[in-house]
C-alpha atoms as a PDB file:
ATOM      1  CA  MET A   1     -13.453  -4.944   6.958  1.00  0.00           C
ATOM      2  CA  ARG A   2     -12.788  -8.522   5.507  1.00  0.00           C
ATOM      3  CA  ILE A   3     -10.139  -9.805   3.464  1.00  0.00           C
ATOM      4  CA  ILE A   4     -11.511 -10.288  -0.085  1.00  0.00           C
ATOM      5  CA  ALA A   5      -9.894 -13.182  -2.021  1.00  0.00           C
ATOM      6  CA  GLY A   6      -6.856 -15.674  -1.523  1.00  0.00           C
ATOM      7  CA  THR A   7      -5.930 -17.827   1.180  1.00  0.00           C
ATOM      8  CA  ALA A   8      -7.441 -15.445   4.102  1.00  0.00           C
ATOM      9  CA  GLY A   9     -10.439 -14.757   1.716  1.00  0.00           C
ATOM     10  CA  GLY A  10     -13.484 -13.735   4.182  1.00  0.00           C
ATOM     11  CA  ALA A  11     -11.293 -13.523   6.980  1.00  0.00           C
ATOM     12  CA  ARG A  12     -12.097 -10.118   9.357  1.00  0.00           C
ATOM     13  CA  ILE A  13      -9.413  -7.481  10.001  1.00  0.00           C
ATOM     14  CA  ASP A  14      -9.786  -4.468  12.123  1.00  0.00           C
ATOM     15  CA  ALA A  15      -9.212  -0.816  11.426  1.00  0.00           C
ATOM     16  CA  PRO A  16      -7.623   1.863  13.766  1.00  0.00           C
ATOM     17  CA  PRO A  17     -10.198   3.480  15.869  1.00  0.00           C
ATOM     18  CA  GLY A  18     -11.026   7.516  15.441  1.00  0.00           C
ATOM     19  CA  ARG A  19     -10.962   9.633  11.961  1.00  0.00           C
ATOM     20  CA  ASP A  20      -7.157   9.625  11.208  1.00  0.00           C
ATOM     21  CA  THR A  21      -6.697   6.478   9.422  1.00  0.00           C
ATOM     22  CA  ARG A  22      -9.042   6.144   6.057  1.00  0.00           C
ATOM     23  CA  PRO A  23      -9.095   2.561   5.596  1.00  0.00           C
ATOM     24  CA  THR A  24      -9.428   1.294   1.757  1.00  0.00           C
ATOM     25  CA  LEU A  25     -13.410   0.071   0.927  1.00  0.00           C
ATOM     26  CA  ASP A  26     -14.077  -3.420   0.455  1.00  0.00           C
ATOM     27  CA  ARG A  27     -15.476  -2.767  -2.915  1.00  0.00           C
ATOM     28  CA  VAL A  28     -12.366  -0.503  -3.937  1.00  0.00           C
ATOM     29  CA  ARG A  29      -9.896  -2.841  -2.707  1.00  0.00           C
ATOM     30  CA  GLU A  30     -11.660  -5.741  -4.736  1.00  0.00           C
ATOM     31  CA  ASN A  31     -11.641  -3.975  -7.850  1.00  0.00           C
ATOM     32  CA  LEU A  32      -8.032  -2.570  -7.325  1.00  0.00           C
ATOM     33  CA  PHE A  33      -6.960  -6.394  -6.899  1.00  0.00           C
ATOM     34  CA  ASN A  34      -8.951  -7.466  -9.520  1.00  0.00           C
ATOM     35  CA  MET A  35      -6.578  -5.047 -11.717  1.00  0.00           C
ATOM     36  CA  LEU A  36      -3.365  -6.638 -10.401  1.00  0.00           C
ATOM     37  CA  GLN A  37      -4.091 -10.306 -10.470  1.00  0.00           C
ATOM     38  CA  GLY A  38      -1.126 -11.133 -12.751  1.00  0.00           C
ATOM     39  CA  GLU A  39       0.918  -8.652 -10.558  1.00  0.00           C
ATOM     40  CA  ILE A  40       0.512 -10.315  -7.135  1.00  0.00           C
ATOM     41  CA  PRO A  41       2.189 -13.560  -7.508  1.00  0.00           C
ATOM     42  CA  GLY A  42       5.502 -13.798  -5.709  1.00  0.00           C
ATOM     43  CA  SER A  43       5.751  -9.986  -5.046  1.00  0.00           C
ATOM     44  CA  ARG A  44       7.306  -7.745  -2.886  1.00  0.00           C
ATOM     45  CA  VAL A  45       5.260  -5.048  -1.291  1.00  0.00           C
ATOM     46  CA  LEU A  46       5.901  -2.018   0.558  1.00  0.00           C
ATOM     47  CA  ASP A  47       2.680  -0.086   2.025  1.00  0.00           C
ATOM     48  CA  LEU A  48       3.599   3.342   3.238  1.00  0.00           C
ATOM     49  CA  PHE A  49       0.627   5.059   5.308  1.00  0.00           C
ATOM     50  CA  ALA A  50      -0.289   1.500   6.109  1.00  0.00           C
ATOM     51  CA  GLY A  51      -3.253   1.952   8.493  1.00  0.00           C
ATOM     52  CA  SER A  52      -4.986  -1.266   8.961  1.00  0.00           C
ATOM     53  CA  GLY A  53      -2.938  -2.843   6.675  1.00  0.00           C
ATOM     54  CA  ALA A  54      -5.552  -4.202   4.882  1.00  0.00           C
ATOM     55  CA  LEU A  55      -3.818  -3.610   1.246  1.00  0.00           C
ATOM     56  CA  SER A  56      -0.657  -5.347   2.521  1.00  0.00           C
ATOM     57  CA  LEU A  57      -2.711  -8.526   3.952  1.00  0.00           C
ATOM     58  CA  GLU A  58      -4.597  -8.499   0.711  1.00  0.00           C
ATOM     59  CA  ALA A  59      -1.624  -8.976  -1.608  1.00  0.00           C
ATOM     60  CA  LEU A  60      -0.320 -11.485   1.000  1.00  0.00           C
ATOM     61  CA  SER A  61      -3.528 -13.792   0.543  1.00  0.00           C
ATOM     62  CA  ARG A  62      -3.505 -13.554  -2.833  1.00  0.00           C
ATOM     63  CA  GLY A  63       0.219 -14.770  -3.204  1.00  0.00           C
ATOM     64  CA  ALA A  64       2.534 -11.739  -2.315  1.00  0.00           C
ATOM     65  CA  ALA A  65       6.156 -13.050  -0.950  1.00  0.00           C
ATOM     66  CA  LEU A  66       6.555 -10.266   1.605  1.00  0.00           C
ATOM     67  CA  ALA A  67       5.166  -7.041   2.904  1.00  0.00           C
ATOM     68  CA  VAL A  68       6.653  -4.019   4.711  1.00  0.00           C
ATOM     69  CA  MET A  69       4.158  -2.153   6.404  1.00  0.00           C
ATOM     70  CA  VAL A  70       4.821   1.403   7.290  1.00  0.00           C
ATOM     71  CA  ASP A  71       3.042   3.697   9.831  1.00  0.00           C
ATOM     72  CA  HIS A  72       4.083   6.358  12.079  1.00  0.00           C
ATOM     73  CA  ASP A  73       0.887   6.230  14.321  1.00  0.00           C
ATOM     74  CA  ARG A  74       1.178   3.753  17.370  1.00  0.00           C
ATOM     75  CA  GLN A  75      -2.487   2.589  17.062  1.00  0.00           C
ATOM     76  CA  ALA A  76      -2.299   1.749  13.347  1.00  0.00           C
ATOM     77  CA  VAL A  77       0.577  -0.467  14.179  1.00  0.00           C
ATOM     78  CA  GLN A  78      -0.945  -2.218  17.297  1.00  0.00           C
ATOM     79  CA  VAL A  79      -3.666  -2.891  14.743  1.00  0.00           C
ATOM     80  CA  GLU A  80      -1.608  -4.299  12.371  1.00  0.00           C
ATOM     81  CA  LYS A  81      -0.100  -6.318  14.073  1.00  0.00           C
ATOM     82  CA  ARG A  82      -3.024  -7.718  15.622  1.00  0.00           C
ATOM     83  CA  ASN A  83      -4.281  -8.373  11.779  1.00  0.00           C
ATOM     84  CA  ILE A  84      -1.303 -10.151  11.144  1.00  0.00           C
ATOM     85  CA  GLN A  85      -1.443 -12.431  14.293  1.00  0.00           C
ATOM     86  CA  ARG A  86      -5.164 -13.268  13.537  1.00  0.00           C
ATOM     87  CA  LEU A  87      -4.189 -14.169   9.438  1.00  0.00           C
ATOM     88  CA  GLN A  88      -1.241 -16.143  10.628  1.00  0.00           C
ATOM     89  CA  MET A  89       1.254 -14.005   8.277  1.00  0.00           C
ATOM     90  CA  GLU A  90       3.876 -13.223  10.832  1.00  0.00           C
ATOM     91  CA  ASP A  91       6.361 -14.871   8.788  1.00  0.00           C
ATOM     92  CA  ARG A  92       5.941 -12.792   5.242  1.00  0.00           C
ATOM     93  CA  THR A  93       5.601  -9.160   7.081  1.00  0.00           C
ATOM     94  CA  ARG A  94       7.549  -6.356   8.620  1.00  0.00           C
ATOM     95  CA  VAL A  95       5.895  -3.938  10.432  1.00  0.00           C
ATOM     96  CA  LEU A  96       7.791  -0.493  10.955  1.00  0.00           C
ATOM     97  CA  GLN A  97       6.342   2.413  13.364  1.00  0.00           C
ATOM     98  CA  MET A  98       8.293   5.714  11.740  1.00  0.00           C
ATOM     99  CA  ASP A  99       7.633   8.411   9.716  1.00  0.00           C
ATOM    100  CA  TRP A 100       7.568   7.543   5.533  1.00  0.00           C
ATOM    101  CA  ARG A 101      10.822   9.106   5.288  1.00  0.00           C
ATOM    102  CA  GLN A 102      12.869   7.070   7.726  1.00  0.00           C
ATOM    103  CA  ALA A 103      11.309   3.846   6.746  1.00  0.00           C
ATOM    104  CA  VAL A 104      12.845   4.770   3.248  1.00  0.00           C
ATOM    105  CA  ARG A 105      16.054   5.831   4.631  1.00  0.00           C
ATOM    106  CA  LEU A 106      16.031   2.183   6.647  1.00  0.00           C
ATOM    107  CA  LEU A 107      15.015   0.247   3.483  1.00  0.00           C
ATOM    108  CA  ALA A 108      17.909   1.693   1.295  1.00  0.00           C
ATOM    109  CA  GLY A 109      20.180  -1.057  -0.296  1.00  0.00           C
ATOM    110  CA  GLU A 110      17.593  -3.686   0.627  1.00  0.00           C
ATOM    111  CA  ASP A 111      16.000  -5.774  -2.085  1.00  0.00           C
ATOM    112  CA  SER A 112      13.718  -3.582  -4.281  1.00  0.00           C
ATOM    113  CA  PHE A 113       9.603  -3.994  -4.224  1.00  0.00           C
ATOM    114  CA  ASP A 114       7.476  -4.602  -7.092  1.00  0.00           C
ATOM    115  CA  LEU A 115       4.346  -3.285  -5.860  1.00  0.00           C
ATOM    116  CA  VAL A 116       4.076   0.036  -3.446  1.00  0.00           C
ATOM    117  CA  PHE A 117       1.070   0.697  -1.958  1.00  0.00           C
ATOM    118  CA  LEU A 118       0.359   4.813  -1.392  1.00  0.00           C
ATOM    119  CA  ASP A 119      -2.442   5.839   0.650  1.00  0.00           C
ATOM    120  CA  PRO A 120      -1.361   8.956   2.347  1.00  0.00           C
ATOM    121  CA  PRO A 121      -4.082  11.164   4.071  1.00  0.00           C
ATOM    122  CA  TYR A 122      -5.591  13.460   1.328  1.00  0.00           C
ATOM    123  CA  GLU A 123      -4.405  16.642   2.228  1.00  0.00           C
ATOM    124  CA  MET A 124      -1.382  15.117   0.884  1.00  0.00           C
ATOM    125  CA  LYS A 125      -1.363  16.687  -2.942  1.00  0.00           C
ATOM    126  CA  ASP A 126       2.216  16.963  -3.190  1.00  0.00           C
ATOM    127  CA  LEU A 127       4.372  13.585  -3.317  1.00  0.00           C
ATOM    128  CA  ARG A 128       7.094  14.485  -5.431  1.00  0.00           C
ATOM    129  CA  ASP A 129       9.222  14.146  -2.508  1.00  0.00           C
ATOM    130  CA  VAL A 130       7.581  10.573  -2.000  1.00  0.00           C
ATOM    131  CA  PHE A 131       8.050   9.545  -5.234  1.00  0.00           C
ATOM    132  CA  SER A 132      11.450  10.306  -5.574  1.00  0.00           C
ATOM    133  CA  ALA A 133      12.624   9.024  -2.073  1.00  0.00           C
ATOM    134  CA  LEU A 134      10.943   5.723  -3.730  1.00  0.00           C
ATOM    135  CA  GLU A 135      12.632   5.410  -6.787  1.00  0.00           C
ATOM    136  CA  PRO A 136      15.728   3.405  -5.394  1.00  0.00           C
ATOM    137  CA  LEU A 137      13.297   0.801  -4.056  1.00  0.00           C
ATOM    138  CA  LEU A 138      11.342   0.075  -6.856  1.00  0.00           C
ATOM    139  CA  ALA A 139      11.583  -3.149  -8.843  1.00  0.00           C
ATOM    140  CA  PRO A 140      12.650  -1.700 -13.084  1.00  0.00           C
ATOM    141  CA  GLU A 141       9.189  -3.080 -13.361  1.00  0.00           C
ATOM    142  CA  GLY A 142       7.491  -2.099 -10.203  1.00  0.00           C
ATOM    143  CA  LEU A 143       4.433  -0.281  -9.882  1.00  0.00           C
ATOM    144  CA  ILE A 144       3.516   2.690  -7.321  1.00  0.00           C
ATOM    145  CA  LEU A 145      -0.444   2.582  -6.516  1.00  0.00           C
ATOM    146  CA  LEU A 146      -1.733   5.534  -5.049  1.00  0.00           C
ATOM    147  CA  GLU A 147      -5.109   6.083  -3.294  1.00  0.00           C
ATOM    148  CA  HIS A 148      -6.641   9.852  -3.459  1.00  0.00           C
ATOM    149  CA  GLU A 149      -9.272  11.918  -3.603  1.00  0.00           C
ATOM    150  CA  ALA A 150     -10.888  11.057  -6.973  1.00  0.00           C
ATOM    151  CA  LYS A 151     -10.864  15.080  -8.311  1.00  0.00           C
ATOM    152  CA  ALA A 152      -7.525  15.705  -6.666  1.00  0.00           C
ATOM    153  CA  GLU A 153      -4.616  16.595  -8.616  1.00  0.00           C
ATOM    154  CA  ILE A 154      -1.522  14.883  -7.644  1.00  0.00           C
ATOM    155  CA  ALA A 155       2.178  15.994  -8.017  1.00  0.00           C
ATOM    156  CA  VAL A 156       4.534  13.366  -8.266  1.00  0.00           C
ATOM    157  CA  CYS A 157       8.220  13.489  -9.583  1.00  0.00           C
ATOM    158  CA  ASP A 158       8.697  13.717 -13.249  1.00  0.00           C
ATOM    159  CA  SER A 159      10.516  10.080 -13.353  1.00  0.00           C
ATOM    160  CA  PHE A 160       7.189   8.446 -12.954  1.00  0.00           C
ATOM    161  CA  GLU A 161       3.808   8.495 -15.399  1.00  0.00           C
ATOM    162  CA  ALA A 162       0.505   7.389 -14.853  1.00  0.00           C
ATOM    163  CA  VAL A 163      -0.295   4.364 -16.619  1.00  0.00           C
ATOM    164  CA  ARG A 164      -3.922   3.510 -15.117  1.00  0.00           C
ATOM    165  CA  ARG A 165      -6.365   5.700 -13.194  1.00  0.00           C
ATOM    166  CA  ARG A 166      -9.810   4.488 -11.626  1.00  0.00           C
ATOM    167  CA  SER A 167     -12.700   6.339  -9.423  1.00  0.00           C
ATOM    168  CA  TRP A 168     -14.898   4.724  -7.045  1.00  0.00           C
ATOM    169  CA  GLY A 169     -16.979   7.501  -5.827  1.00  0.00           C
ATOM    170  CA  TYR A 170     -14.956   9.530  -3.421  1.00  0.00           C
ATOM    171  CA  CYS A 171     -11.881   7.635  -3.795  1.00  0.00           C
ATOM    172  CA  GLY A 172      -9.347   7.398  -6.905  1.00  0.00           C
ATOM    173  CA  VAL A 173      -6.637   4.832  -7.524  1.00  0.00           C
ATOM    174  CA  THR A 174      -3.663   5.882  -9.966  1.00  0.00           C
ATOM    175  CA  PHE A 175      -1.248   3.403 -11.073  1.00  0.00           C
ATOM    176  CA  PHE A 176       2.162   4.932 -11.648  1.00  0.00           C
ATOM    177  CA  ALA A 177       5.266   3.484 -13.604  1.00  0.00           C
ATOM    178  CA  ARG A 178       8.627   4.620 -14.459  1.00  0.00           C
ATOM    179  CA  ARG A 179       8.895   6.628 -17.516  1.00  0.00           C
ATOM    180  CA  GLY A 180      10.400   4.804 -20.601  1.00  0.00           C
END
């Protein structure tokens, strides 16, 4: 895998070994970030189920101010830390090795996030609890970007609406914003 563009464009990053992590493909990341161009500079990013941290690192490379990466898997967190160090982004990152619920509780009361990347295991199709928990952490104009199986029906809480969808083969991405 590699960082597509920005200050770290072209740099290689690692993915955790095994099949428990499903890194976002380079072409999906490239298209996703092309759609987000105006949202990235100066943004605060939360990456739940971060895996390799590729989405956060791409955002930082393109001008995000800060990224918090969360994953419960020890190997994934070790890979994230190595990738951060390799790209010299330690001053703009925070890595939390814990369950998403613990992370959301820990982050409550801190500054809000402009972008939230969600790349949960594909078998997680009911994300109402996740979206409800994220609501107080999301900036008023913030977006949640959910990566999912292209044809999957995902349940989210009623206070969010899908504002954009795209798919590339088996992979789909849906952008969610607060209703109203």
